[in-house]
N, C-alpha and C. Protein backbone atom coordinates (compact mmCIF):
# COMPACT_ATOMS: atom_id res chain seq x y z
N MET A 1 30.42 -16.02 -17.12
CA MET A 1 30.52 -14.95 -18.09
C MET A 1 29.38 -15.11 -19.10
N PRO A 2 28.65 -14.05 -19.38
CA PRO A 2 27.55 -14.14 -20.34
C PRO A 2 28.07 -14.37 -21.76
N SER A 3 27.24 -15.06 -22.52
CA SER A 3 27.61 -15.31 -23.91
C SER A 3 27.28 -14.09 -24.76
N VAL A 4 27.82 -14.09 -25.96
CA VAL A 4 27.54 -13.00 -26.90
C VAL A 4 26.06 -12.94 -27.20
N GLY A 5 25.42 -14.10 -27.31
CA GLY A 5 23.99 -14.16 -27.58
C GLY A 5 23.16 -13.51 -26.48
N GLU A 6 23.53 -13.77 -25.22
CA GLU A 6 22.82 -13.17 -24.10
C GLU A 6 22.96 -11.64 -24.12
N LEU A 7 24.18 -11.19 -24.33
CA LEU A 7 24.41 -9.74 -24.40
C LEU A 7 23.63 -9.12 -25.55
N ALA A 8 23.63 -9.79 -26.69
CA ALA A 8 22.91 -9.26 -27.86
C ALA A 8 21.41 -9.18 -27.58
N CYS A 9 20.87 -10.18 -26.90
CA CYS A 9 19.44 -10.14 -26.55
C CYS A 9 19.14 -8.99 -25.60
N THR A 10 20.04 -8.76 -24.65
CA THR A 10 19.87 -7.65 -23.72
C THR A 10 19.83 -6.32 -24.47
N TYR A 11 20.82 -6.14 -25.36
CA TYR A 11 20.87 -4.89 -26.12
C TYR A 11 19.70 -4.76 -27.08
N ALA A 12 19.24 -5.87 -27.65
CA ALA A 12 18.08 -5.82 -28.54
C ALA A 12 16.84 -5.37 -27.77
N CYS A 13 16.66 -5.90 -26.57
CA CYS A 13 15.52 -5.50 -25.74
C CYS A 13 15.58 -4.00 -25.42
N LEU A 14 16.76 -3.54 -25.06
CA LEU A 14 16.91 -2.12 -24.74
C LEU A 14 16.65 -1.24 -25.96
N ALA A 15 17.13 -1.66 -27.12
CA ALA A 15 16.93 -0.87 -28.35
C ALA A 15 15.46 -0.85 -28.74
N LEU A 16 14.80 -1.99 -28.67
CA LEU A 16 13.37 -2.04 -29.00
C LEU A 16 12.58 -1.15 -28.05
N HIS A 17 12.88 -1.25 -26.76
CA HIS A 17 12.18 -0.43 -25.77
C HIS A 17 12.42 1.05 -26.01
N ASP A 18 13.66 1.40 -26.32
CA ASP A 18 14.00 2.80 -26.56
C ASP A 18 13.22 3.38 -27.73
N ASP A 19 12.95 2.54 -28.74
CA ASP A 19 12.19 2.99 -29.90
C ASP A 19 10.68 2.84 -29.72
N GLY A 20 10.25 2.34 -28.57
CA GLY A 20 8.83 2.19 -28.31
C GLY A 20 8.19 1.03 -29.06
N ILE A 21 8.99 0.06 -29.46
CA ILE A 21 8.50 -1.10 -30.20
C ILE A 21 8.23 -2.22 -29.21
N PRO A 22 7.08 -2.88 -29.30
CA PRO A 22 6.81 -4.01 -28.39
C PRO A 22 7.90 -5.08 -28.53
N ILE A 23 8.34 -5.59 -27.41
CA ILE A 23 9.43 -6.57 -27.40
C ILE A 23 8.85 -7.97 -27.47
N THR A 24 9.15 -8.64 -28.57
CA THR A 24 8.72 -10.03 -28.77
C THR A 24 9.94 -10.86 -29.15
N ALA A 25 9.80 -12.16 -29.02
CA ALA A 25 10.89 -13.07 -29.39
C ALA A 25 11.23 -12.90 -30.87
N GLU A 26 10.22 -12.69 -31.70
CA GLU A 26 10.45 -12.55 -33.13
C GLU A 26 11.26 -11.29 -33.45
N LYS A 27 10.95 -10.21 -32.76
CA LYS A 27 11.67 -8.96 -33.01
C LYS A 27 13.10 -9.04 -32.49
N ILE A 28 13.30 -9.71 -31.36
CA ILE A 28 14.66 -9.90 -30.86
C ILE A 28 15.45 -10.74 -31.84
N THR A 29 14.83 -11.83 -32.33
CA THR A 29 15.50 -12.70 -33.30
C THR A 29 15.86 -11.93 -34.57
N THR A 30 14.95 -11.08 -35.03
CA THR A 30 15.22 -10.27 -36.22
C THR A 30 16.42 -9.35 -35.99
N MET A 31 16.47 -8.72 -34.83
CA MET A 31 17.59 -7.83 -34.54
C MET A 31 18.91 -8.61 -34.48
N LEU A 32 18.87 -9.81 -33.94
CA LEU A 32 20.08 -10.63 -33.89
C LEU A 32 20.55 -11.00 -35.30
N LYS A 33 19.59 -11.33 -36.17
CA LYS A 33 19.94 -11.68 -37.55
C LYS A 33 20.54 -10.47 -38.27
N VAL A 34 19.93 -9.31 -38.09
CA VAL A 34 20.44 -8.09 -38.74
C VAL A 34 21.85 -7.77 -38.25
N ALA A 35 22.10 -8.01 -36.97
CA ALA A 35 23.41 -7.73 -36.40
C ALA A 35 24.40 -8.87 -36.68
N ASN A 36 23.91 -9.92 -37.30
CA ASN A 36 24.75 -11.09 -37.62
C ASN A 36 25.34 -11.71 -36.36
N VAL A 37 24.47 -11.86 -35.33
CA VAL A 37 24.88 -12.46 -34.06
C VAL A 37 24.14 -13.78 -33.90
N THR A 38 24.89 -14.79 -33.51
CA THR A 38 24.30 -16.11 -33.28
C THR A 38 24.03 -16.27 -31.80
N ALA A 39 22.81 -16.70 -31.47
CA ALA A 39 22.44 -16.94 -30.08
C ALA A 39 21.67 -18.26 -30.02
N GLU A 40 21.68 -18.86 -28.86
CA GLU A 40 20.88 -20.06 -28.66
C GLU A 40 19.42 -19.70 -28.96
N SER A 41 18.70 -20.63 -29.54
CA SER A 41 17.34 -20.34 -30.01
C SER A 41 16.37 -19.98 -28.89
N TYR A 42 16.64 -20.37 -27.67
CA TYR A 42 15.72 -20.10 -26.56
C TYR A 42 15.92 -18.72 -25.92
N TRP A 43 17.07 -18.06 -26.15
CA TRP A 43 17.31 -16.78 -25.51
C TRP A 43 16.30 -15.70 -25.88
N PRO A 44 15.97 -15.50 -27.16
CA PRO A 44 14.98 -14.46 -27.47
C PRO A 44 13.64 -14.67 -26.77
N MET A 45 13.19 -15.93 -26.68
CA MET A 45 11.92 -16.21 -26.01
C MET A 45 12.01 -15.89 -24.52
N LEU A 46 13.12 -16.28 -23.89
CA LEU A 46 13.27 -16.02 -22.46
C LEU A 46 13.34 -14.53 -22.16
N PHE A 47 14.07 -13.80 -22.97
CA PHE A 47 14.17 -12.36 -22.76
C PHE A 47 12.82 -11.68 -23.01
N ALA A 48 12.09 -12.12 -24.03
CA ALA A 48 10.77 -11.54 -24.31
C ALA A 48 9.83 -11.79 -23.14
N LYS A 49 9.86 -13.00 -22.57
CA LYS A 49 9.01 -13.30 -21.41
C LYS A 49 9.43 -12.47 -20.20
N LEU A 50 10.72 -12.26 -20.05
CA LEU A 50 11.22 -11.46 -18.93
C LEU A 50 10.66 -10.06 -18.98
N VAL A 51 10.71 -9.42 -20.13
CA VAL A 51 10.27 -8.03 -20.21
C VAL A 51 8.75 -7.90 -20.25
N GLN A 52 8.04 -8.99 -20.53
CA GLN A 52 6.58 -8.95 -20.45
C GLN A 52 6.13 -8.89 -19.00
N LYS A 53 6.90 -9.51 -18.11
CA LYS A 53 6.51 -9.57 -16.71
C LYS A 53 7.17 -8.49 -15.85
N ARG A 54 8.16 -7.82 -16.41
CA ARG A 54 8.88 -6.77 -15.68
C ARG A 54 8.93 -5.52 -16.55
N ASP A 55 9.05 -4.37 -15.91
CA ASP A 55 9.13 -3.11 -16.63
C ASP A 55 10.59 -2.76 -16.89
N ILE A 56 10.95 -2.56 -18.15
CA ILE A 56 12.34 -2.25 -18.49
C ILE A 56 12.78 -0.93 -17.86
N ASP A 57 11.88 0.03 -17.76
CA ASP A 57 12.24 1.29 -17.11
C ASP A 57 12.71 1.04 -15.67
N ASP A 58 12.05 0.11 -14.97
CA ASP A 58 12.49 -0.23 -13.62
C ASP A 58 13.88 -0.85 -13.64
N PHE A 59 14.14 -1.72 -14.64
CA PHE A 59 15.48 -2.32 -14.76
C PHE A 59 16.54 -1.23 -14.86
N VAL A 60 16.29 -0.29 -15.75
CA VAL A 60 17.29 0.74 -16.04
C VAL A 60 17.42 1.73 -14.88
N LEU A 61 16.29 2.20 -14.37
CA LEU A 61 16.32 3.22 -13.33
C LEU A 61 16.84 2.68 -11.99
N ASN A 62 16.67 1.39 -11.75
CA ASN A 62 17.09 0.81 -10.48
C ASN A 62 18.32 -0.06 -10.61
N ALA A 63 19.03 0.05 -11.71
CA ALA A 63 20.22 -0.78 -11.92
C ALA A 63 21.22 -0.55 -10.80
N GLY A 64 21.70 -1.64 -10.24
CA GLY A 64 22.72 -1.55 -9.22
C GLY A 64 22.22 -1.46 -7.79
N LEU A 65 20.90 -1.38 -7.59
CA LEU A 65 20.39 -1.34 -6.23
C LEU A 65 20.55 -2.71 -5.59
N ALA A 66 20.99 -2.73 -4.37
CA ALA A 66 21.20 -4.00 -3.66
C ALA A 66 19.86 -4.70 -3.44
N GLY A 67 19.87 -6.01 -3.62
CA GLY A 67 18.68 -6.80 -3.34
C GLY A 67 17.67 -6.85 -4.46
N ASN A 68 17.92 -6.20 -5.57
CA ASN A 68 16.97 -6.19 -6.67
C ASN A 68 17.56 -6.98 -7.83
N THR A 69 17.29 -8.28 -7.88
CA THR A 69 17.85 -9.15 -8.91
C THR A 69 17.42 -8.72 -10.30
N ALA A 70 16.17 -8.31 -10.45
CA ALA A 70 15.68 -7.94 -11.78
C ALA A 70 16.41 -6.71 -12.32
N SER A 71 16.68 -5.74 -11.46
CA SER A 71 17.35 -4.54 -11.96
C SER A 71 18.79 -4.82 -12.33
N ALA A 72 19.39 -5.83 -11.73
CA ALA A 72 20.77 -6.17 -12.04
C ALA A 72 20.92 -6.70 -13.46
N ALA A 73 19.81 -7.04 -14.08
CA ALA A 73 19.85 -7.63 -15.42
C ALA A 73 20.49 -6.71 -16.44
N VAL A 74 20.31 -5.41 -16.29
CA VAL A 74 20.87 -4.51 -17.29
C VAL A 74 22.08 -3.73 -16.78
N SER A 75 22.51 -4.02 -15.56
CA SER A 75 23.74 -3.38 -15.11
C SER A 75 24.92 -4.03 -15.80
N THR A 76 26.06 -3.42 -15.73
CA THR A 76 27.22 -3.86 -16.47
C THR A 76 27.53 -5.33 -16.26
N GLY A 77 27.53 -5.80 -15.05
CA GLY A 77 27.87 -7.19 -14.79
C GLY A 77 26.68 -8.09 -14.58
N GLY A 78 25.49 -7.59 -14.85
CA GLY A 78 24.30 -8.33 -14.49
C GLY A 78 23.63 -9.13 -15.57
N VAL A 79 24.24 -9.33 -16.70
CA VAL A 79 23.59 -10.08 -17.78
C VAL A 79 23.34 -11.52 -17.34
N VAL A 80 24.24 -12.07 -16.55
CA VAL A 80 24.04 -13.43 -16.04
C VAL A 80 22.79 -13.46 -15.16
N SER A 81 22.55 -12.38 -14.40
CA SER A 81 21.35 -12.29 -13.58
C SER A 81 20.10 -12.27 -14.44
N ALA A 82 20.18 -11.64 -15.61
CA ALA A 82 19.04 -11.63 -16.53
C ALA A 82 18.73 -13.03 -16.99
N ALA A 83 19.76 -13.81 -17.27
CA ALA A 83 19.55 -15.18 -17.68
C ALA A 83 18.91 -15.98 -16.56
N ALA A 84 19.38 -15.78 -15.34
CA ALA A 84 18.82 -16.49 -14.20
C ALA A 84 17.37 -16.08 -13.98
N THR A 85 17.08 -14.79 -14.08
CA THR A 85 15.71 -14.31 -13.92
C THR A 85 14.82 -14.86 -15.02
N ALA A 86 15.31 -14.90 -16.24
CA ALA A 86 14.53 -15.44 -17.35
C ALA A 86 14.25 -16.92 -17.13
N GLU A 87 15.24 -17.65 -16.62
CA GLU A 87 15.03 -19.07 -16.34
C GLU A 87 14.01 -19.25 -15.22
N GLU A 88 14.03 -18.38 -14.21
CA GLU A 88 13.04 -18.44 -13.14
C GLU A 88 11.64 -18.21 -13.69
N LEU A 89 11.50 -17.23 -14.59
CA LEU A 89 10.20 -16.97 -15.20
C LEU A 89 9.73 -18.16 -16.02
N ALA A 90 10.65 -18.80 -16.73
CA ALA A 90 10.27 -19.98 -17.51
C ALA A 90 9.80 -21.10 -16.59
N ALA A 91 10.46 -21.24 -15.44
CA ALA A 91 10.05 -22.27 -14.48
C ALA A 91 8.67 -21.93 -13.91
N GLU A 92 8.39 -20.65 -13.65
CA GLU A 92 7.08 -20.24 -13.16
C GLU A 92 5.99 -20.58 -14.17
N ASP A 93 6.27 -20.35 -15.45
CA ASP A 93 5.29 -20.65 -16.50
C ASP A 93 4.97 -22.14 -16.55
N LYS A 94 5.96 -22.99 -16.31
CA LYS A 94 5.73 -24.43 -16.31
C LYS A 94 4.85 -24.85 -15.16
N VAL A 95 5.02 -24.18 -14.00
CA VAL A 95 4.22 -24.48 -12.82
C VAL A 95 2.78 -24.04 -13.03
N ASN A 96 2.62 -22.88 -13.66
CA ASN A 96 1.27 -22.32 -13.86
C ASN A 96 0.70 -22.98 -15.03
């Protein structure tokens, strides 16, 4: 089950994208503070890296398609997949 922090980061990314604001770890953290939500300190960075490498429009438009792990990130039950995808991206960055 996803944590409140993970869900808040997901919604922060969607809200920033909807307003056309570049998604950064700092902006996600600011939104979490304004919403008075506590999240692990690494979540905003992981979510920011996730959306830098993937298009949020693709996440939303392809939500629920079979075989597309990235699009599952924003589907109702897919927040855990977003965390897994973010962790995969972090692992890729360590390799590169």
